[in-house]
Amino acid sequence: MAIGISPLVDYAFKLMLGSPEHSGITMHFLNAVLEGQPRITQVAFRNSVQSMKSEDDQVAVLAIDDNGRRLNLEILTSVPAGLPKRLAYCAAASYADQMGEGPSDQGPRPSITICVLSGALYSTPPLLHLDFRMSNFAAKLTETDDFQIRILQLQHLQVTAETVWNATPREQWAYFLSNVERMTIEDVQRLLPDRVFREAFGVLDMISQTAEQMLAYNARLKYQRDEEARLLQARLDGLDEGRQQGRQQGLDEGRQKGLEEGVEIGKARGVEIGQLRGRVALLQELLGRPVWAANEFAACDEAQLKMMAEQLEQELRIRES
């Protein structure tokens, strides 16, 4: 029977990766995400899941590794507005908080924020792992590793049940986070070779076996779903409002364009009528007739002026023949 507990619910995510009793799971996860960085062999936690004051508190894992690096881990099932700036702020705040701590010659230790997204912040390119640091990528120079933001975009995971056995540790963790809710312990043993995943499965399974933890898990699950629904409704409302504003803007622009076209047409017709009046006046003068006054011209429309001009031209031709 499938476990039915998802580590994408932040309460479960923190129990699995933020428990001193299971620090090996956390170190394995961190080393997988931070591949190529100094390996972590010890980790100390700076908060606990019991530190939540209310169900809408953000549940994150705050830790320090044996290299002194400050680590902030969090899971998000939706992408809130301004997420890149918030992640940058978290990394900078964790770095700045160290000022005054320890020997002045040592200085602050690196600050690393790791955000796991069930969706994706960036669709192009479709990368599972994003690594943001202060670098000059053109020259392949890294200014400092003191600020790092790592994002796992689970939506872009390409690994399947047929290929996960030989995948990288980072990809295996992404697969575990995305699929373990629908897996049994036998599935984990068959698909994921490292025993750390069986231990992680056991931590999640304990939630389902403990009434108090299930109550907290379900409360967080409900909160996350409500938040996702709120964000979705906000997007739909914004889309509808945008459509209405677009329609109104289209009407306004249509009216303005029509007005402008009408003015141009009016100008053109005014020139034509002015030319007709001048033609009639000239013909009247050539025929020795009284030239009409302005009010007499104003009493005739365009068709009448054209008819008058044709009649006067006909009379002039007869006279000259």
Protein backbone atom coordinates (compact mmCIF):
# COMPACT_ATOMS: atom_id res chain seq x y z
CA MET A 1 0.00 0.00 0.00
CA ALA A 2 1.31 3.46 -0.96
CA ILE A 3 2.51 5.63 1.93
CA GLY A 4 0.15 8.53 1.10
CA ILE A 5 2.43 11.15 2.73
CA SER A 6 4.01 13.76 0.48
CA PRO A 7 7.31 15.48 1.36
CA LEU A 8 6.04 18.36 -0.79
CA VAL A 9 3.94 19.32 2.23
CA ASP A 10 6.35 21.53 4.14
CA TYR A 11 5.60 19.90 7.51
CA ALA A 12 6.69 16.49 6.17
CA PHE A 13 9.61 18.07 4.29
CA LYS A 14 10.95 19.57 7.51
CA LEU A 15 10.46 16.42 9.56
CA MET A 16 12.38 14.46 6.95
CA LEU A 17 15.23 16.94 6.40
CA GLY A 18 15.26 18.89 9.66
CA SER A 19 15.44 16.19 12.34
CA PRO A 20 18.66 15.85 14.37
CA GLU A 21 17.84 12.14 14.77
CA HIS A 22 18.02 11.74 10.98
CA SER A 23 20.80 14.18 10.09
CA GLY A 24 22.24 11.62 7.67
CA ILE A 25 19.23 12.17 5.40
CA THR A 26 19.85 15.93 5.43
CA MET A 27 23.56 15.58 4.68
CA HIS A 28 22.87 13.20 1.79
CA PHE A 29 20.31 15.60 0.33
CA LEU A 30 22.60 18.63 0.73
CA ASN A 31 25.60 16.86 -0.80
CA ALA A 32 23.42 15.80 -3.73
CA VAL A 33 22.18 19.32 -4.39
CA LEU A 34 25.57 20.97 -3.75
CA GLU A 35 27.54 18.52 -5.85
CA GLY A 36 31.04 19.86 -6.46
CA GLN A 37 31.08 21.86 -3.21
CA PRO A 38 33.00 20.84 -0.04
CA ARG A 39 31.38 17.66 1.24
CA ILE A 40 29.21 17.94 4.36
CA THR A 41 29.93 15.40 7.12
CA GLN A 42 28.12 17.09 10.00
CA VAL A 43 25.10 19.35 10.27
CA ALA A 44 23.51 21.24 13.18
CA PHE A 45 19.92 22.47 13.09
CA ARG A 46 18.96 25.96 14.21
CA ASN A 47 15.19 25.45 14.42
CA SER A 48 12.64 22.69 14.83
CA VAL A 49 9.25 21.85 13.41
CA GLN A 50 7.74 22.62 16.81
CA SER A 51 8.79 26.27 16.33
CA MET A 52 5.72 26.94 14.18
CA LYS A 53 3.46 29.44 15.90
CA SER A 54 0.51 29.04 13.54
CA GLU A 55 -0.46 27.00 10.53
CA ASP A 56 0.44 29.78 8.11
CA ASP A 57 4.06 30.03 9.34
CA GLN A 58 6.62 29.18 6.68
CA VAL A 59 8.25 25.87 7.56
CA ALA A 60 11.92 25.91 6.53
CA VAL A 61 15.01 24.02 7.64
CA LEU A 62 17.79 26.24 8.99
CA ALA A 63 21.14 24.52 9.51
CA ILE A 64 24.92 24.97 9.77
CA ASP A 65 27.30 22.43 8.26
CA ASP A 66 30.79 21.45 9.43
CA ASN A 67 32.25 24.02 7.03
CA GLY A 68 30.36 26.78 8.85
CA ARG A 69 28.04 27.44 5.91
CA ARG A 70 24.52 28.69 6.71
CA LEU A 71 21.86 26.65 4.94
CA ASN A 72 18.22 27.50 4.41
CA LEU A 73 16.01 24.77 2.90
CA GLU A 74 12.39 25.18 1.92
CA ILE A 75 9.72 23.54 -0.23
CA LEU A 76 7.12 25.46 -2.25
CA THR A 77 4.17 24.01 -4.14
CA SER A 78 3.34 27.33 -5.79
CA VAL A 79 5.47 30.19 -7.08
CA PRO A 80 4.62 33.37 -5.16
CA ALA A 81 5.15 36.80 -6.67
CA GLY A 82 8.63 38.17 -6.12
CA LEU A 83 10.17 34.77 -5.30
CA PRO A 84 13.64 35.54 -6.77
CA LYS A 85 13.93 38.69 -4.64
CA ARG A 86 12.74 36.83 -1.53
CA LEU A 87 15.32 34.09 -2.02
CA ALA A 88 18.05 36.69 -2.51
CA TYR A 89 16.91 38.46 0.66
CA CYS A 90 17.02 35.21 2.68
CA ALA A 91 20.58 34.49 1.54
CA ALA A 92 21.71 38.07 2.24
CA ALA A 93 19.99 38.22 5.65
CA SER A 94 21.58 34.93 6.73
CA TYR A 95 24.97 36.30 5.69
CA ALA A 96 24.51 39.67 7.38
CA ASP A 97 23.29 38.07 10.63
CA GLN A 98 26.78 36.64 11.12
CA MET A 99 28.38 40.07 11.48
CA GLY A 100 29.86 40.26 14.95
CA GLU A 101 29.93 36.48 15.38
CA GLY A 102 33.29 34.76 15.84
CA PRO A 103 36.79 36.10 15.10
CA SER A 104 36.80 39.25 12.97
CA ASP A 105 39.55 37.87 10.72
CA GLN A 106 37.43 34.88 9.74
CA GLY A 107 34.45 36.89 8.53
CA PRO A 108 30.99 35.60 7.68
CA ARG A 109 30.64 32.09 6.32
CA PRO A 110 28.82 31.36 3.03
CA SER A 111 25.04 31.58 2.99
CA ILE A 112 23.19 29.06 0.82
CA THR A 113 19.45 29.03 0.14
CA ILE A 114 17.98 25.87 -1.38
CA CYS A 115 14.41 26.07 -2.66
CA VAL A 116 12.57 23.00 -3.91
CA LEU A 117 9.71 23.89 -6.27
CA SER A 118 7.08 21.35 -7.25
CA GLY A 119 6.51 23.52 -10.31
CA ALA A 120 8.99 25.76 -12.09
CA LEU A 121 10.18 29.34 -11.71
CA TYR A 122 11.75 29.36 -15.17
CA SER A 123 10.36 27.37 -18.09
CA THR A 124 13.23 28.16 -20.44
CA PRO A 125 15.60 26.45 -20.37
CA PRO A 126 13.79 23.50 -18.74
CA LEU A 127 16.46 22.76 -16.11
CA LEU A 128 15.98 20.66 -12.98
CA HIS A 129 18.73 22.44 -11.06
CA LEU A 130 19.44 26.18 -11.11
CA ASP A 131 22.62 27.52 -9.50
CA PHE A 132 22.83 31.27 -8.89
CA ARG A 133 26.11 32.74 -7.68
CA MET A 134 28.11 35.95 -8.06
CA SER A 135 29.96 35.06 -11.25
CA ASN A 136 31.09 36.32 -14.61
CA PHE A 137 29.86 33.47 -16.75
CA ALA A 138 31.37 34.89 -19.95
CA ALA A 139 34.85 34.78 -18.44
CA LYS A 140 34.06 31.70 -16.32
CA LEU A 141 35.15 33.53 -13.19
CA THR A 142 33.47 33.16 -9.80
CA GLU A 143 33.78 36.23 -7.60
CA THR A 144 32.60 34.48 -4.45
CA ASP A 145 30.66 31.45 -3.23
CA ASP A 146 29.46 33.37 -0.18
CA PHE A 147 26.00 33.84 -1.72
CA GLN A 148 24.32 30.89 -3.37
CA ILE A 149 20.74 30.25 -4.37
CA ARG A 150 19.92 26.76 -5.57
CA ILE A 151 16.52 25.89 -7.01
CA LEU A 152 15.25 22.39 -7.79
CA GLN A 153 12.44 22.63 -10.35
CA LEU A 154 10.76 19.23 -9.96
CA GLN A 155 8.51 19.93 -12.95
CA HIS A 156 11.56 19.63 -15.21
CA LEU A 157 12.70 16.23 -13.91
CA GLN A 158 13.40 13.94 -16.90
CA VAL A 159 14.11 10.76 -14.90
CA THR A 160 11.55 7.93 -14.96
CA ALA A 161 11.07 4.71 -12.99
CA GLU A 162 13.04 2.93 -15.72
CA THR A 163 16.08 5.25 -15.46
CA VAL A 164 16.15 6.45 -11.83
CA TRP A 165 18.39 3.61 -10.62
CA ASN A 166 21.34 4.99 -12.62
CA ALA A 167 20.46 8.69 -12.21
CA THR A 168 22.58 11.19 -10.29
CA PRO A 169 21.91 11.58 -6.53
CA ARG A 170 20.35 14.99 -7.24
CA GLU A 171 17.95 13.45 -9.79
CA GLN A 172 17.18 10.55 -7.44
CA TRP A 173 16.21 12.98 -4.70
CA ALA A 174 14.02 14.92 -7.13
CA TYR A 175 12.35 11.65 -8.16
CA PHE A 176 11.84 10.62 -4.52
CA LEU A 177 10.30 13.99 -3.57
CA SER A 178 7.98 13.92 -6.59
CA ASN A 179 6.80 10.30 -6.37
CA VAL A 180 7.25 8.79 -2.90
CA GLU A 181 3.66 9.62 -1.90
CA ARG A 182 2.52 6.95 -4.39
CA MET A 183 5.24 4.42 -3.49
CA THR A 184 5.61 1.52 -1.06
CA ILE A 185 8.78 0.57 0.79
CA GLU A 186 9.24 -2.20 -1.79
CA ASP A 187 9.10 0.38 -4.58
CA VAL A 188 11.76 2.48 -2.85
CA GLN A 189 14.05 -0.53 -2.36
CA ARG A 190 13.61 -1.54 -6.00
CA LEU A 191 14.03 1.88 -7.61
CA LEU A 192 16.49 3.76 -5.36
CA PRO A 193 19.73 1.96 -4.43
CA ASP A 194 20.91 4.12 -1.53
CA ARG A 195 19.53 3.06 1.84
CA VAL A 196 19.12 6.76 2.80
CA PHE A 197 15.89 6.75 0.78
CA ARG A 198 14.53 3.89 2.85
CA GLU A 199 15.34 5.89 5.98
CA ALA A 200 13.60 8.95 4.52
CA PHE A 201 10.59 6.79 3.66
CA GLY A 202 10.52 5.60 7.29
CA VAL A 203 10.41 9.20 8.60
CA LEU A 204 7.45 9.96 6.34
CA ASP A 205 5.76 6.71 7.35
CA MET A 206 5.99 7.71 11.02
CA ILE A 207 3.77 10.69 10.28
CA SER A 208 0.97 8.40 9.17
CA GLN A 209 1.41 6.33 12.34
CA THR A 210 1.17 9.27 14.78
CA ALA A 211 -2.18 10.98 15.37
CA GLU A 212 -0.63 14.29 16.46
CA GLN A 213 1.70 14.43 13.47
CA MET A 214 -1.09 13.48 11.07
CA LEU A 215 -3.17 16.33 12.50
CA ALA A 216 -0.31 18.79 11.91
CA TYR A 217 0.39 17.32 8.46
CA ASN A 218 -3.24 17.61 7.36
CA ALA A 219 -3.44 21.18 8.67
CA ARG A 220 -0.42 22.17 6.58
CA LEU A 221 -1.75 20.24 3.58
CA LYS A 222 -5.06 22.10 3.82
CA TYR A 223 -3.25 25.44 4.19
CA GLN A 224 -1.08 24.78 1.13
CA ARG A 225 -4.08 23.73 -0.96
CA ASP A 226 -6.03 26.79 0.16
CA GLU A 227 -3.06 28.99 -0.71
CA GLU A 228 -2.72 27.36 -4.13
CA ALA A 229 -6.45 27.86 -4.73
CA ARG A 230 -6.18 31.50 -3.64
CA LEU A 231 -3.27 32.13 -6.02
CA LEU A 232 -5.11 30.38 -8.85
CA GLN A 233 -8.24 32.46 -8.25
CA ALA A 234 -6.13 35.62 -8.13
CA ARG A 235 -4.61 34.70 -11.50
CA LEU A 236 -8.06 34.00 -12.96
CA ASP A 237 -9.40 37.27 -11.59
CA GLY A 238 -6.41 39.09 -13.02
CA LEU A 239 -6.91 37.38 -16.37
CA ASP A 240 -10.59 38.35 -16.43
CA GLU A 241 -9.81 41.92 -15.41
CA GLY A 242 -7.10 42.07 -18.06
CA ARG A 243 -9.55 40.90 -20.71
CA GLN A 244 -12.09 43.52 -19.67
CA GLN A 245 -9.46 46.25 -19.65
CA GLY A 246 -8.26 45.00 -23.03
CA ARG A 247 -11.77 45.18 -24.47
CA GLN A 248 -12.28 48.70 -23.12
CA GLN A 249 -8.86 49.79 -24.35
CA GLY A 250 -9.69 48.31 -27.75
CA LEU A 251 -12.96 50.24 -27.85
CA ASP A 252 -11.25 53.46 -26.78
CA GLU A 253 -8.52 52.98 -29.35
CA GLY A 254 -11.17 52.16 -31.97
CA ARG A 255 -13.09 55.33 -31.17
CA GLN A 256 -9.91 57.40 -31.28
CA LYS A 257 -8.84 55.86 -34.56
CA GLY A 258 -12.32 56.40 -35.99
CA LEU A 259 -12.23 60.02 -34.87
CA GLU A 260 -8.83 60.53 -36.45
CA GLU A 261 -9.96 58.88 -39.67
CA GLY A 262 -13.13 60.97 -39.62
CA VAL A 263 -11.11 64.15 -39.26
CA GLU A 264 -8.90 63.17 -42.20
CA ILE A 265 -11.93 62.27 -44.30
CA GLY A 266 -13.59 65.53 -43.30
CA LYS A 267 -10.53 67.47 -44.32
CA ALA A 268 -10.41 65.73 -47.69
CA ARG A 269 -14.10 66.33 -48.34
CA GLY A 270 -13.73 69.94 -47.26
CA VAL A 271 -10.98 70.41 -49.83
CA GLU A 272 -13.14 68.82 -52.52
CA ILE A 273 -16.12 71.03 -51.70
CA GLY A 274 -13.88 74.09 -51.59
CA GLN A 275 -12.53 73.23 -55.02
CA LEU A 276 -16.11 72.78 -56.35
CA ARG A 277 -17.14 76.16 -54.99
CA GLY A 278 -14.12 77.78 -56.59
CA ARG A 279 -14.91 76.08 -59.89
CA VAL A 280 -18.54 77.26 -59.85
CA ALA A 281 -17.47 80.80 -58.92
CA LEU A 282 -14.94 80.88 -61.79
CA LEU A 283 -17.50 79.60 -64.33
CA GLN A 284 -20.04 82.15 -63.14
CA GLU A 285 -17.48 84.89 -63.60
CA LEU A 286 -16.51 83.66 -67.11
CA LEU A 287 -20.18 83.58 -68.12
CA GLY A 288 -20.70 87.09 -66.77
CA ARG A 289 -23.10 85.99 -64.09
CA PRO A 290 -23.21 87.23 -60.49
CA VAL A 291 -20.86 85.16 -58.34
CA TRP A 292 -22.62 83.48 -55.45
CA ALA A 293 -22.13 84.73 -51.95
CA ALA A 294 -20.83 82.42 -49.20
CA ASN A 295 -24.32 81.76 -47.81
CA GLU A 296 -25.53 80.64 -51.23
CA PHE A 297 -22.67 78.17 -51.55
CA ALA A 298 -23.36 76.93 -48.01
CA ALA A 299 -26.98 76.15 -48.99
CA CYS A 300 -25.79 73.60 -51.60
CA ASP A 301 -24.44 70.15 -50.86
CA GLU A 302 -21.66 68.43 -52.80
CA ALA A 303 -23.99 66.80 -55.35
CA GLN A 304 -25.75 70.12 -56.12
CA LEU A 305 -22.40 71.88 -56.56
CA LYS A 306 -21.21 69.17 -58.98
CA MET A 307 -24.46 69.52 -61.00
CA MET A 308 -24.13 73.31 -61.03
CA ALA A 309 -20.51 73.09 -62.24
CA GLU A 310 -21.45 70.67 -65.06
CA GLN A 311 -24.30 72.93 -66.23
CA LEU A 312 -22.07 76.04 -66.26
CA GLU A 313 -19.31 74.19 -68.15
CA GLN A 314 -21.89 73.06 -70.74
CA GLU A 315 -23.08 76.67 -71.21
CA LEU A 316 -19.48 77.86 -71.58
CA ARG A 317 -18.74 75.27 -74.27
CA ILE A 318 -21.91 76.25 -76.21
CA ARG A 319 -20.96 79.92 -76.05
CA GLU A 320 -17.44 79.27 -77.30
CA SER A 321 -18.54 76.99 -80.17
